[in-house]
All heavy atoms as atom14 arrays in JSON, in Angstrom:
{
  "sequence": "EHGTAIVLITHDLGVVAGMADRVQVMYAGRVVERASARDLFRAPLHP",
  "atom14_mask": [
    [1, 1, 1, 1, 1, 1, 1, 1, 1, 0, 0, 0, 0, 0],
    [1, 1, 1, 1, 1, 1, 1, 1, 1, 1, 0, 0, 0, 0],
    [1, 1, 1, 1, 0, 0, 0, 0, 0, 0, 0, 0, 0, 0],
    [1, 1, 1, 1, 1, 1, 1, 0, 0, 0, 0, 0, 0, 0],
    [1, 1, 1, 1, 1, 0, 0, 0, 0, 0, 0, 0, 0, 0],
    [1, 1, 1, 1, 1, 1, 1, 1, 0, 0, 0, 0, 0, 0],
    [1, 1, 1, 1, 1, 1, 1, 0, 0, 0, 0, 0, 0, 0],
    [1, 1, 1, 1, 1, 1, 1, 1, 0, 0, 0, 0, 0, 0],
    [1, 1, 1, 1, 1, 1, 1, 1, 0, 0, 0, 0, 0, 0],
    [1, 1, 1, 1, 1, 1, 1, 0, 0, 0, 0, 0, 0, 0],
    [1, 1, 1, 1, 1, 1, 1, 1, 1, 1, 0, 0, 0, 0],
    [1, 1, 1, 1, 1, 1, 1, 1, 0, 0, 0, 0, 0, 0],
    [1, 1, 1, 1, 1, 1, 1, 1, 0, 0, 0, 0, 0, 0],
    [1, 1, 1, 1, 0, 0, 0, 0, 0, 0, 0, 0, 0, 0],
    [1, 1, 1, 1, 1, 1, 1, 0, 0, 0, 0, 0, 0, 0],
    [1, 1, 1, 1, 1, 1, 1, 0, 0, 0, 0, 0, 0, 0],
    [1, 1, 1, 1, 1, 0, 0, 0, 0, 0, 0, 0, 0, 0],
    [1, 1, 1, 1, 0, 0, 0, 0, 0, 0, 0, 0, 0, 0],
    [1, 1, 1, 1, 1, 1, 1, 1, 0, 0, 0, 0, 0, 0],
    [1, 1, 1, 1, 1, 0, 0, 0, 0, 0, 0, 0, 0, 0],
    [1, 1, 1, 1, 1, 1, 1, 1, 0, 0, 0, 0, 0, 0],
    [1, 1, 1, 1, 1, 1, 1, 1, 1, 1, 1, 0, 0, 0],
    [1, 1, 1, 1, 1, 1, 1, 0, 0, 0, 0, 0, 0, 0],
    [1, 1, 1, 1, 1, 1, 1, 1, 1, 0, 0, 0, 0, 0],
    [1, 1, 1, 1, 1, 1, 1, 0, 0, 0, 0, 0, 0, 0],
    [1, 1, 1, 1, 1, 1, 1, 1, 0, 0, 0, 0, 0, 0],
    [1, 1, 1, 1, 1, 1, 1, 1, 1, 1, 1, 1, 0, 0],
    [1, 1, 1, 1, 1, 0, 0, 0, 0, 0, 0, 0, 0, 0],
    [1, 1, 1, 1, 0, 0, 0, 0, 0, 0, 0, 0, 0, 0],
    [1, 1, 1, 1, 1, 1, 1, 1, 1, 1, 1, 0, 0, 0],
    [1, 1, 1, 1, 1, 1, 1, 0, 0, 0, 0, 0, 0, 0],
    [1, 1, 1, 1, 1, 1, 1, 0, 0, 0, 0, 0, 0, 0],
    [1, 1, 1, 1, 1, 1, 1, 1, 1, 0, 0, 0, 0, 0],
    [1, 1, 1, 1, 1, 1, 1, 1, 1, 1, 1, 0, 0, 0],
    [1, 1, 1, 1, 1, 0, 0, 0, 0, 0, 0, 0, 0, 0],
    [1, 1, 1, 1, 1, 1, 0, 0, 0, 0, 0, 0, 0, 0],
    [1, 1, 1, 1, 1, 0, 0, 0, 0, 0, 0, 0, 0, 0],
    [1, 1, 1, 1, 1, 1, 1, 1, 1, 1, 1, 0, 0, 0],
    [1, 1, 1, 1, 1, 1, 1, 1, 0, 0, 0, 0, 0, 0],
    [1, 1, 1, 1, 1, 1, 1, 1, 0, 0, 0, 0, 0, 0],
    [1, 1, 1, 1, 1, 1, 1, 1, 1, 1, 1, 0, 0, 0],
    [1, 1, 1, 1, 1, 1, 1, 1, 1, 1, 1, 0, 0, 0],
    [1, 1, 1, 1, 1, 0, 0, 0, 0, 0, 0, 0, 0, 0],
    [1, 1, 1, 1, 1, 1, 1, 0, 0, 0, 0, 0, 0, 0],
    [1, 1, 1, 1, 1, 1, 1, 1, 0, 0, 0, 0, 0, 0],
    [1, 1, 1, 1, 1, 1, 1, 1, 1, 1, 0, 0, 0, 0],
    [1, 1, 1, 1, 1, 1, 1, 0, 0, 0, 0, 0, 0, 0]
  ],
  "atom14_positions": [
    [[0.81, -1.23, -0.02], [0.0, -0.02, 0.05], [0.82, 1.24, 0.01], [0.37, 2.23, -0.56], [-0.95, -0.07, 1.24], [-2.04, -1.08, 1.14], [-2.86, -1.17, 2.49], [-2.66, -0.29, 3.27], [-3.76, -2.09, 2.56], [0.0, 0.0, 0.0], [0.0, 0.0, 0.0], [0.0, 0.0, 0.0], [0.0, 0.0, 0.0], [0.0, 0.0, 0.0]],
    [[2.02, 1.26, 0.59], [2.91, 2.44, 0.75], [4.2, 2.34, 0.19], [5.05, 3.27, 0.29], [2.97, 2.81, 2.24], [1.61, 3.01, 2.95], [0.8, 4.12, 2.7], [0.9, 2.22, 3.7], [-0.38, 3.95, 3.41], [-0.33, 2.84, 3.98], [0.0, 0.0, 0.0], [0.0, 0.0, 0.0], [0.0, 0.0, 0.0], [0.0, 0.0, 0.0]],
    [[4.57, 1.18, -0.42], [5.92, 1.07, -1.01], [7.1, 1.04, 0.0], [8.19, 1.42, -0.4], [0.0, 0.0, 0.0], [0.0, 0.0, 0.0], [0.0, 0.0, 0.0], [0.0, 0.0, 0.0], [0.0, 0.0, 0.0], [0.0, 0.0, 0.0], [0.0, 0.0, 0.0], [0.0, 0.0, 0.0], [0.0, 0.0, 0.0], [0.0, 0.0, 0.0]],
    [[6.83, 0.71, 1.16], [7.77, 0.7, 2.24], [8.86, -0.35, 1.86], [8.62, -1.47, 1.5], [7.14, 0.24, 3.54], [6.21, 1.3, 3.95], [8.21, 0.24, 4.71], [0.0, 0.0, 0.0], [0.0, 0.0, 0.0], [0.0, 0.0, 0.0], [0.0, 0.0, 0.0], [0.0, 0.0, 0.0], [0.0, 0.0, 0.0], [0.0, 0.0, 0.0]],
    [[10.11, 0.11, 2.06], [11.19, -0.73, 1.96], [11.61, -1.28, 3.26], [11.56, -0.54, 4.31], [12.46, -0.05, 1.33], [0.0, 0.0, 0.0], [0.0, 0.0, 0.0], [0.0, 0.0, 0.0], [0.0, 0.0, 0.0], [0.0, 0.0, 0.0], [0.0, 0.0, 0.0], [0.0, 0.0, 0.0], [0.0, 0.0, 0.0], [0.0, 0.0, 0.0]],
    [[11.99, -2.56, 3.41], [12.33, -3.21, 4.72], [13.69, -3.8, 4.71], [14.13, -4.48, 3.87], [11.25, -4.31, 5.05], [9.77, -3.69, 5.07], [11.56, -5.02, 6.31], [8.79, -4.71, 5.3], [0.0, 0.0, 0.0], [0.0, 0.0, 0.0], [0.0, 0.0, 0.0], [0.0, 0.0, 0.0], [0.0, 0.0, 0.0], [0.0, 0.0, 0.0]],
    [[14.35, -3.51, 5.86], [15.62, -4.19, 6.12], [15.29, -5.15, 7.28], [14.99, -4.71, 8.35], [16.78, -3.25, 6.58], [18.01, -4.03, 7.01], [17.1, -2.22, 5.55], [0.0, 0.0, 0.0], [0.0, 0.0, 0.0], [0.0, 0.0, 0.0], [0.0, 0.0, 0.0], [0.0, 0.0, 0.0], [0.0, 0.0, 0.0], [0.0, 0.0, 0.0]],
    [[15.32, -6.38, 6.99], [14.9, -7.44, 7.93], [16.06, -8.21, 8.58], [16.75, -8.92, 7.9], [13.9, -8.47, 7.24], [13.35, -9.7, 8.09], [12.49, -9.11, 9.27], [12.58, -10.61, 7.26], [0.0, 0.0, 0.0], [0.0, 0.0, 0.0], [0.0, 0.0, 0.0], [0.0, 0.0, 0.0], [0.0, 0.0, 0.0], [0.0, 0.0, 0.0]],
    [[16.36, -7.87, 9.84], [17.53, -8.45, 10.55], [17.03, -9.6, 11.31], [16.17, -9.4, 12.21], [18.19, -7.49, 11.34], [18.76, -6.27, 10.39], [19.36, -8.04, 12.25], [19.25, -5.07, 11.25], [0.0, 0.0, 0.0], [0.0, 0.0, 0.0], [0.0, 0.0, 0.0], [0.0, 0.0, 0.0], [0.0, 0.0, 0.0], [0.0, 0.0, 0.0]],
    [[17.39, -10.74, 11.15], [16.91, -11.97, 11.87], [17.83, -13.17, 11.75], [18.69, -13.3, 10.92], [15.47, -12.41, 11.28], [14.99, -13.44, 12.05], [15.7, -12.84, 9.84], [0.0, 0.0, 0.0], [0.0, 0.0, 0.0], [0.0, 0.0, 0.0], [0.0, 0.0, 0.0], [0.0, 0.0, 0.0], [0.0, 0.0, 0.0], [0.0, 0.0, 0.0]],
    [[17.64, -14.05, 12.81], [18.42, -15.35, 12.71], [17.54, -16.43, 12.14], [17.81, -17.55, 11.88], [18.8, -15.8, 14.09], [17.7, -16.11, 14.92], [16.85, -15.16, 15.6], [17.14, -17.32, 15.28], [16.01, -15.73, 16.31], [16.05, -17.02, 16.18], [0.0, 0.0, 0.0], [0.0, 0.0, 0.0], [0.0, 0.0, 0.0], [0.0, 0.0, 0.0]],
    [[16.19, -16.09, 12.04], [15.16, -16.98, 11.57], [15.16, -17.09, 10.01], [14.64, -16.33, 9.22], [13.75, -16.58, 12.06], [12.66, -17.74, 11.78], [12.85, -18.48, 10.81], [11.77, -17.66, 12.6], [0.0, 0.0, 0.0], [0.0, 0.0, 0.0], [0.0, 0.0, 0.0], [0.0, 0.0, 0.0], [0.0, 0.0, 0.0], [0.0, 0.0, 0.0]],
    [[15.86, -18.15, 9.44], [15.99, -18.34, 7.99], [14.57, -18.57, 7.34], [14.45, -18.27, 6.16], [16.92, -19.44, 7.7], [18.4, -19.11, 8.09], [19.28, -20.29, 7.88], [18.87, -17.89, 7.2], [0.0, 0.0, 0.0], [0.0, 0.0, 0.0], [0.0, 0.0, 0.0], [0.0, 0.0, 0.0], [0.0, 0.0, 0.0], [0.0, 0.0, 0.0]],
    [[13.63, -19.19, 8.16], [12.3, -19.33, 7.49], [11.68, -18.06, 7.31], [10.98, -17.83, 6.09], [0.0, 0.0, 0.0], [0.0, 0.0, 0.0], [0.0, 0.0, 0.0], [0.0, 0.0, 0.0], [0.0, 0.0, 0.0], [0.0, 0.0, 0.0], [0.0, 0.0, 0.0], [0.0, 0.0, 0.0], [0.0, 0.0, 0.0], [0.0, 0.0, 0.0]],
    [[11.79, -17.1, 8.1], [11.15, -15.82, 7.95], [11.82, -15.15, 6.72], [11.2, -14.4, 5.87], [11.32, -14.82, 9.2], [10.95, -13.42, 8.91], [10.51, -15.4, 10.29], [0.0, 0.0, 0.0], [0.0, 0.0, 0.0], [0.0, 0.0, 0.0], [0.0, 0.0, 0.0], [0.0, 0.0, 0.0], [0.0, 0.0, 0.0], [0.0, 0.0, 0.0]],
    [[13.23, -15.16, 6.59], [13.92, -14.63, 5.42], [13.45, -15.25, 4.14], [13.22, -14.53, 3.19], [15.42, -14.86, 5.62], [16.16, -14.55, 4.37], [15.93, -14.07, 6.75], [0.0, 0.0, 0.0], [0.0, 0.0, 0.0], [0.0, 0.0, 0.0], [0.0, 0.0, 0.0], [0.0, 0.0, 0.0], [0.0, 0.0, 0.0], [0.0, 0.0, 0.0]],
    [[13.24, -16.58, 4.1], [12.85, -17.19, 2.97], [11.46, -16.76, 2.54], [11.19, -16.61, 1.29], [12.83, -18.75, 3.17], [0.0, 0.0, 0.0], [0.0, 0.0, 0.0], [0.0, 0.0, 0.0], [0.0, 0.0, 0.0], [0.0, 0.0, 0.0], [0.0, 0.0, 0.0], [0.0, 0.0, 0.0], [0.0, 0.0, 0.0], [0.0, 0.0, 0.0]],
    [[10.57, -16.46, 3.4], [9.19, -16.01, 3.12], [9.01, -14.52, 2.76], [8.15, -14.09, 2.17], [0.0, 0.0, 0.0], [0.0, 0.0, 0.0], [0.0, 0.0, 0.0], [0.0, 0.0, 0.0], [0.0, 0.0, 0.0], [0.0, 0.0, 0.0], [0.0, 0.0, 0.0], [0.0, 0.0, 0.0], [0.0, 0.0, 0.0], [0.0, 0.0, 0.0]],
    [[9.98, -13.7, 3.31], [9.9, -12.27, 3.21], [10.91, -11.57, 2.26], [10.48, -10.55, 1.63], [10.03, -11.61, 4.62], [8.79, -11.82, 5.58], [7.4, -10.79, 5.13], [8.06, -9.1, 5.43], [0.0, 0.0, 0.0], [0.0, 0.0, 0.0], [0.0, 0.0, 0.0], [0.0, 0.0, 0.0], [0.0, 0.0, 0.0], [0.0, 0.0, 0.0]],
    [[12.08, -12.07, 2.22], [13.21, -11.2, 1.63], [13.25, -11.37, 0.09], [12.92, -12.48, -0.4], [14.48, -11.54, 2.24], [0.0, 0.0, 0.0], [0.0, 0.0, 0.0], [0.0, 0.0, 0.0], [0.0, 0.0, 0.0], [0.0, 0.0, 0.0], [0.0, 0.0, 0.0], [0.0, 0.0, 0.0], [0.0, 0.0, 0.0], [0.0, 0.0, 0.0]],
    [[13.55, -10.26, -0.59], [13.84, -10.4, -1.96], [15.4, -10.72, -2.21], [15.82, -11.43, -3.05], [13.59, -9.06, -2.69], [12.09, -8.68, -2.53], [11.29, -9.37, -3.09], [11.78, -7.72, -1.94], [0.0, 0.0, 0.0], [0.0, 0.0, 0.0], [0.0, 0.0, 0.0], [0.0, 0.0, 0.0], [0.0, 0.0, 0.0], [0.0, 0.0, 0.0]],
    [[16.17, -10.07, -1.46], [17.71, -10.35, -1.36], [18.1, -10.53, -0.07], [17.48, -10.14, 0.98], [18.42, -9.13, -2.06], [18.12, -8.77, -3.5], [19.01, -7.71, -4.0], [18.67, -6.42, -3.42], [19.43, -5.65, -2.71], [20.66, -6.1, -2.5], [19.03, -4.48, -2.2], [0.0, 0.0, 0.0], [0.0, 0.0, 0.0], [0.0, 0.0, 0.0]],
    [[19.35, -11.18, 0.11], [19.78, -11.56, 1.5], [21.36, -11.28, 1.53], [22.02, -11.46, 0.51], [19.64, -12.95, 1.75], [20.16, -13.36, 3.13], [18.2, -13.46, 1.53], [0.0, 0.0, 0.0], [0.0, 0.0, 0.0], [0.0, 0.0, 0.0], [0.0, 0.0, 0.0], [0.0, 0.0, 0.0], [0.0, 0.0, 0.0], [0.0, 0.0, 0.0]],
    [[21.79, -10.62, 2.58], [23.15, -10.48, 2.86], [23.54, -11.23, 4.13], [22.91, -11.21, 5.11], [23.5, -8.99, 3.1], [23.53, -8.12, 1.92], [24.23, -6.82, 1.95], [24.6, -6.29, 1.07], [24.29, -6.26, 3.2], [0.0, 0.0, 0.0], [0.0, 0.0, 0.0], [0.0, 0.0, 0.0], [0.0, 0.0, 0.0], [0.0, 0.0, 0.0]],
    [[24.47, -12.14, 4.08], [24.96, -12.97, 5.13], [26.18, -12.27, 5.75], [27.15, -12.1, 5.05], [25.25, -14.36, 4.69], [25.74, -15.21, 5.87], [24.09, -14.99, 4.04], [0.0, 0.0, 0.0], [0.0, 0.0, 0.0], [0.0, 0.0, 0.0], [0.0, 0.0, 0.0], [0.0, 0.0, 0.0], [0.0, 0.0, 0.0], [0.0, 0.0, 0.0]],
    [[26.29, -12.15, 7.08], [27.25, -11.38, 7.71], [28.03, -12.28, 8.71], [27.4, -13.15, 9.23], [26.76, -10.13, 8.53], [26.32, -8.96, 7.7], [25.9, -7.49, 8.7], [27.55, -7.05, 8.99], [0.0, 0.0, 0.0], [0.0, 0.0, 0.0], [0.0, 0.0, 0.0], [0.0, 0.0, 0.0], [0.0, 0.0, 0.0], [0.0, 0.0, 0.0]],
    [[29.33, -12.17, 8.72], [30.11, -12.89, 9.69], [31.31, -12.03, 10.1], [32.02, -11.49, 9.3], [30.73, -14.2, 9.0], [31.45, -15.15, 9.96], [30.67, -15.92, 10.9], [32.86, -15.03, 10.15], [31.32, -16.64, 11.76], [33.51, -15.9, 10.95], [32.75, -16.72, 11.87], [33.4, -17.47, 12.74], [0.0, 0.0, 0.0], [0.0, 0.0, 0.0]],
    [[31.46, -11.96, 11.41], [32.59, -11.11, 11.98], [32.63, -9.69, 11.41], [33.71, -9.08, 11.11], [33.91, -11.79, 11.77], [0.0, 0.0, 0.0], [0.0, 0.0, 0.0], [0.0, 0.0, 0.0], [0.0, 0.0, 0.0], [0.0, 0.0, 0.0], [0.0, 0.0, 0.0], [0.0, 0.0, 0.0], [0.0, 0.0, 0.0], [0.0, 0.0, 0.0]],
    [[31.36, -9.08, 11.2], [31.33, -7.69, 10.86], [31.39, -7.46, 9.34], [31.31, -6.21, 8.87], [0.0, 0.0, 0.0], [0.0, 0.0, 0.0], [0.0, 0.0, 0.0], [0.0, 0.0, 0.0], [0.0, 0.0, 0.0], [0.0, 0.0, 0.0], [0.0, 0.0, 0.0], [0.0, 0.0, 0.0], [0.0, 0.0, 0.0], [0.0, 0.0, 0.0]],
    [[31.54, -8.47, 8.61], [31.6, -8.31, 7.13], [30.5, -9.14, 6.45], [30.06, -10.15, 6.96], [32.9, -8.74, 6.61], [34.17, -7.88, 7.02], [35.46, -8.41, 6.47], [36.57, -7.57, 6.89], [36.88, -6.31, 6.35], [36.25, -5.97, 5.27], [38.0, -5.73, 6.81], [0.0, 0.0, 0.0], [0.0, 0.0, 0.0], [0.0, 0.0, 0.0]],
    [[30.16, -8.58, 5.21], [29.23, -9.42, 4.36], [30.1, -10.44, 3.69], [31.02, -10.2, 2.95], [28.53, -8.54, 3.37], [27.65, -9.34, 2.42], [27.6, -7.47, 4.01], [0.0, 0.0, 0.0], [0.0, 0.0, 0.0], [0.0, 0.0, 0.0], [0.0, 0.0, 0.0], [0.0, 0.0, 0.0], [0.0, 0.0, 0.0], [0.0, 0.0, 0.0]],
    [[29.6, -11.8, 3.83], [30.33, -12.82, 3.19], [29.66, -13.46, 2.04], [30.27, -14.13, 1.25], [30.77, -13.91, 4.24], [31.66, -13.48, 5.37], [29.47, -14.57, 4.88], [0.0, 0.0, 0.0], [0.0, 0.0, 0.0], [0.0, 0.0, 0.0], [0.0, 0.0, 0.0], [0.0, 0.0, 0.0], [0.0, 0.0, 0.0], [0.0, 0.0, 0.0]],
    [[28.37, -13.15, 1.97], [27.58, -13.6, 0.79], [26.53, -12.64, 0.53], [25.86, -12.25, 1.43], [27.17, -15.04, 0.9], [26.47, -15.51, -0.45], [26.38, -17.0, -0.55], [26.86, -17.83, 0.44], [25.78, -17.57, -1.53], [0.0, 0.0, 0.0], [0.0, 0.0, 0.0], [0.0, 0.0, 0.0], [0.0, 0.0, 0.0], [0.0, 0.0, 0.0]],
    [[26.21, -12.44, -0.73], [25.1, -11.53, -1.18], [24.4, -12.28, -2.36], [25.03, -12.53, -3.33], [25.65, -10.15, -1.6], [24.54, -9.14, -1.99], [25.23, -7.88, -2.58], [25.82, -7.17, -1.42], [27.04, -6.6, -1.53], [27.74, -6.76, -2.72], [27.55, -5.84, -0.47], [0.0, 0.0, 0.0], [0.0, 0.0, 0.0], [0.0, 0.0, 0.0]],
    [[23.12, -12.33, -2.28], [22.36, -12.99, -3.41], [20.97, -12.86, -3.26], [20.4, -12.29, -2.23], [22.66, -14.55, -3.32], [0.0, 0.0, 0.0], [0.0, 0.0, 0.0], [0.0, 0.0, 0.0], [0.0, 0.0, 0.0], [0.0, 0.0, 0.0], [0.0, 0.0, 0.0], [0.0, 0.0, 0.0], [0.0, 0.0, 0.0], [0.0, 0.0, 0.0]],
    [[20.18, -13.09, -4.31], [18.66, -13.08, -4.26], [18.28, -14.21, -3.23], [19.09, -15.15, -3.15], [18.09, -13.28, -5.59], [18.38, -14.62, -6.02], [0.0, 0.0, 0.0], [0.0, 0.0, 0.0], [0.0, 0.0, 0.0], [0.0, 0.0, 0.0], [0.0, 0.0, 0.0], [0.0, 0.0, 0.0], [0.0, 0.0, 0.0], [0.0, 0.0, 0.0]],
    [[17.13, -14.17, -2.63], [16.76, -15.07, -1.69], [16.64, -16.46, -2.4], [17.02, -17.48, -1.78], [15.48, -14.67, -1.0], [0.0, 0.0, 0.0], [0.0, 0.0, 0.0], [0.0, 0.0, 0.0], [0.0, 0.0, 0.0], [0.0, 0.0, 0.0], [0.0, 0.0, 0.0], [0.0, 0.0, 0.0], [0.0, 0.0, 0.0], [0.0, 0.0, 0.0]],
    [[16.18, -16.45, -3.64], [16.01, -17.67, -4.32], [17.36, -18.49, -4.54], [17.42, -19.53, -4.39], [15.3, -17.34, -5.69], [15.04, -18.57, -6.56], [14.48, -18.2, -8.03], [14.32, -19.29, -8.78], [15.32, -19.7, -9.58], [16.43, -19.07, -9.61], [15.12, -20.82, -10.35], [0.0, 0.0, 0.0], [0.0, 0.0, 0.0], [0.0, 0.0, 0.0]],
    [[18.37, -17.59, -5.09], [19.57, -18.2, -5.3], [20.27, -18.68, -4.03], [20.98, -19.69, -3.96], [20.51, -17.2, -6.08], [20.15, -17.06, -7.41], [19.43, -17.86, -8.05], [20.5, -16.06, -8.1], [0.0, 0.0, 0.0], [0.0, 0.0, 0.0], [0.0, 0.0, 0.0], [0.0, 0.0, 0.0], [0.0, 0.0, 0.0], [0.0, 0.0, 0.0]],
    [[20.19, -17.9, -2.99], [20.82, -18.22, -1.67], [20.35, -19.57, -1.14], [21.14, -20.39, -0.72], [20.6, -17.13, -0.62], [21.46, -17.36, 0.54], [22.79, -16.56, 0.44], [20.81, -16.86, 1.77], [0.0, 0.0, 0.0], [0.0, 0.0, 0.0], [0.0, 0.0, 0.0], [0.0, 0.0, 0.0], [0.0, 0.0, 0.0], [0.0, 0.0, 0.0]],
    [[19.02, -19.75, -1.12], [18.46, -20.87, -0.48], [18.59, -22.16, -1.53], [18.67, -23.28, -1.07], [17.02, -20.76, -0.14], [16.85, -19.94, 1.07], [16.57, -18.59, 1.09], [16.88, -20.51, 2.4], [16.55, -17.74, 2.21], [16.71, -19.77, 3.49], [16.62, -18.37, 3.4], [0.0, 0.0, 0.0], [0.0, 0.0, 0.0], [0.0, 0.0, 0.0]],
    [[18.67, -21.82, -2.78], [18.72, -22.93, -3.82], [20.23, -23.55, -3.8], [20.36, -24.69, -3.88], [18.37, -22.41, -5.15], [18.48, -23.53, -6.26], [18.05, -22.92, -7.61], [18.84, -21.74, -7.95], [20.04, -21.72, -8.51], [20.62, -23.02, -8.77], [20.69, -20.65, -8.8], [0.0, 0.0, 0.0], [0.0, 0.0, 0.0], [0.0, 0.0, 0.0]],
    [[21.18, -22.62, -3.72], [22.64, -23.04, -3.8], [23.52, -22.02, -3.07], [24.13, -21.18, -3.7], [22.96, -23.1, -5.29], [0.0, 0.0, 0.0], [0.0, 0.0, 0.0], [0.0, 0.0, 0.0], [0.0, 0.0, 0.0], [0.0, 0.0, 0.0], [0.0, 0.0, 0.0], [0.0, 0.0, 0.0], [0.0, 0.0, 0.0], [0.0, 0.0, 0.0]],
    [[23.63, -22.12, -1.83], [24.46, -21.19, -1.09], [25.99, -21.48, -1.48], [26.38, -22.59, -1.66], [24.36, -21.6, 0.36], [23.78, -23.08, 0.38], [22.97, -23.11, -0.89], [0.0, 0.0, 0.0], [0.0, 0.0, 0.0], [0.0, 0.0, 0.0], [0.0, 0.0, 0.0], [0.0, 0.0, 0.0], [0.0, 0.0, 0.0], [0.0, 0.0, 0.0]],
    [[26.72, -20.39, -1.51], [28.2, -20.64, -2.08], [29.19, -20.41, -0.96], [30.2, -21.02, -1.03], [28.4, -19.44, -3.1], [27.73, -19.73, -4.44], [28.07, -18.59, -5.41], [27.95, -21.07, -5.01], [0.0, 0.0, 0.0], [0.0, 0.0, 0.0], [0.0, 0.0, 0.0], [0.0, 0.0, 0.0], [0.0, 0.0, 0.0], [0.0, 0.0, 0.0]],
    [[28.99, -19.68, 0.08], [30.06, -19.44, 1.13], [29.83, -20.57, 2.16], [28.7, -20.97, 2.47], [29.82, -18.16, 1.81], [31.02, -17.7, 2.65], [31.23, -18.27, 3.87], [32.0, -16.87, 2.33], [32.33, -17.67, 4.37], [32.83, -16.96, 3.4], [0.0, 0.0, 0.0], [0.0, 0.0, 0.0], [0.0, 0.0, 0.0], [0.0, 0.0, 0.0]],
    [[30.87, -21.26, 2.6], [30.83, -22.31, 3.53], [30.03, -21.91, 4.87], [29.32, -22.74, 5.43], [32.3, -22.58, 3.89], [33.0, -22.2, 2.69], [32.3, -20.9, 2.1], [0.0, 0.0, 0.0], [0.0, 0.0, 0.0], [0.0, 0.0, 0.0], [0.0, 0.0, 0.0], [0.0, 0.0, 0.0], [0.0, 0.0, 0.0], [0.0, 0.0, 0.0]]
  ]
}
């Protein structure tokens, strides 16, 4: 209704899968993987 953009910070990967268009995975203060939600859950690349 309002075109709101959302930054969703969570440990719940189920919520991310249902809500997010894109995902950034962080480790030790850095982004270690960036992908569309579809690509990330289909074939994650970072260990």
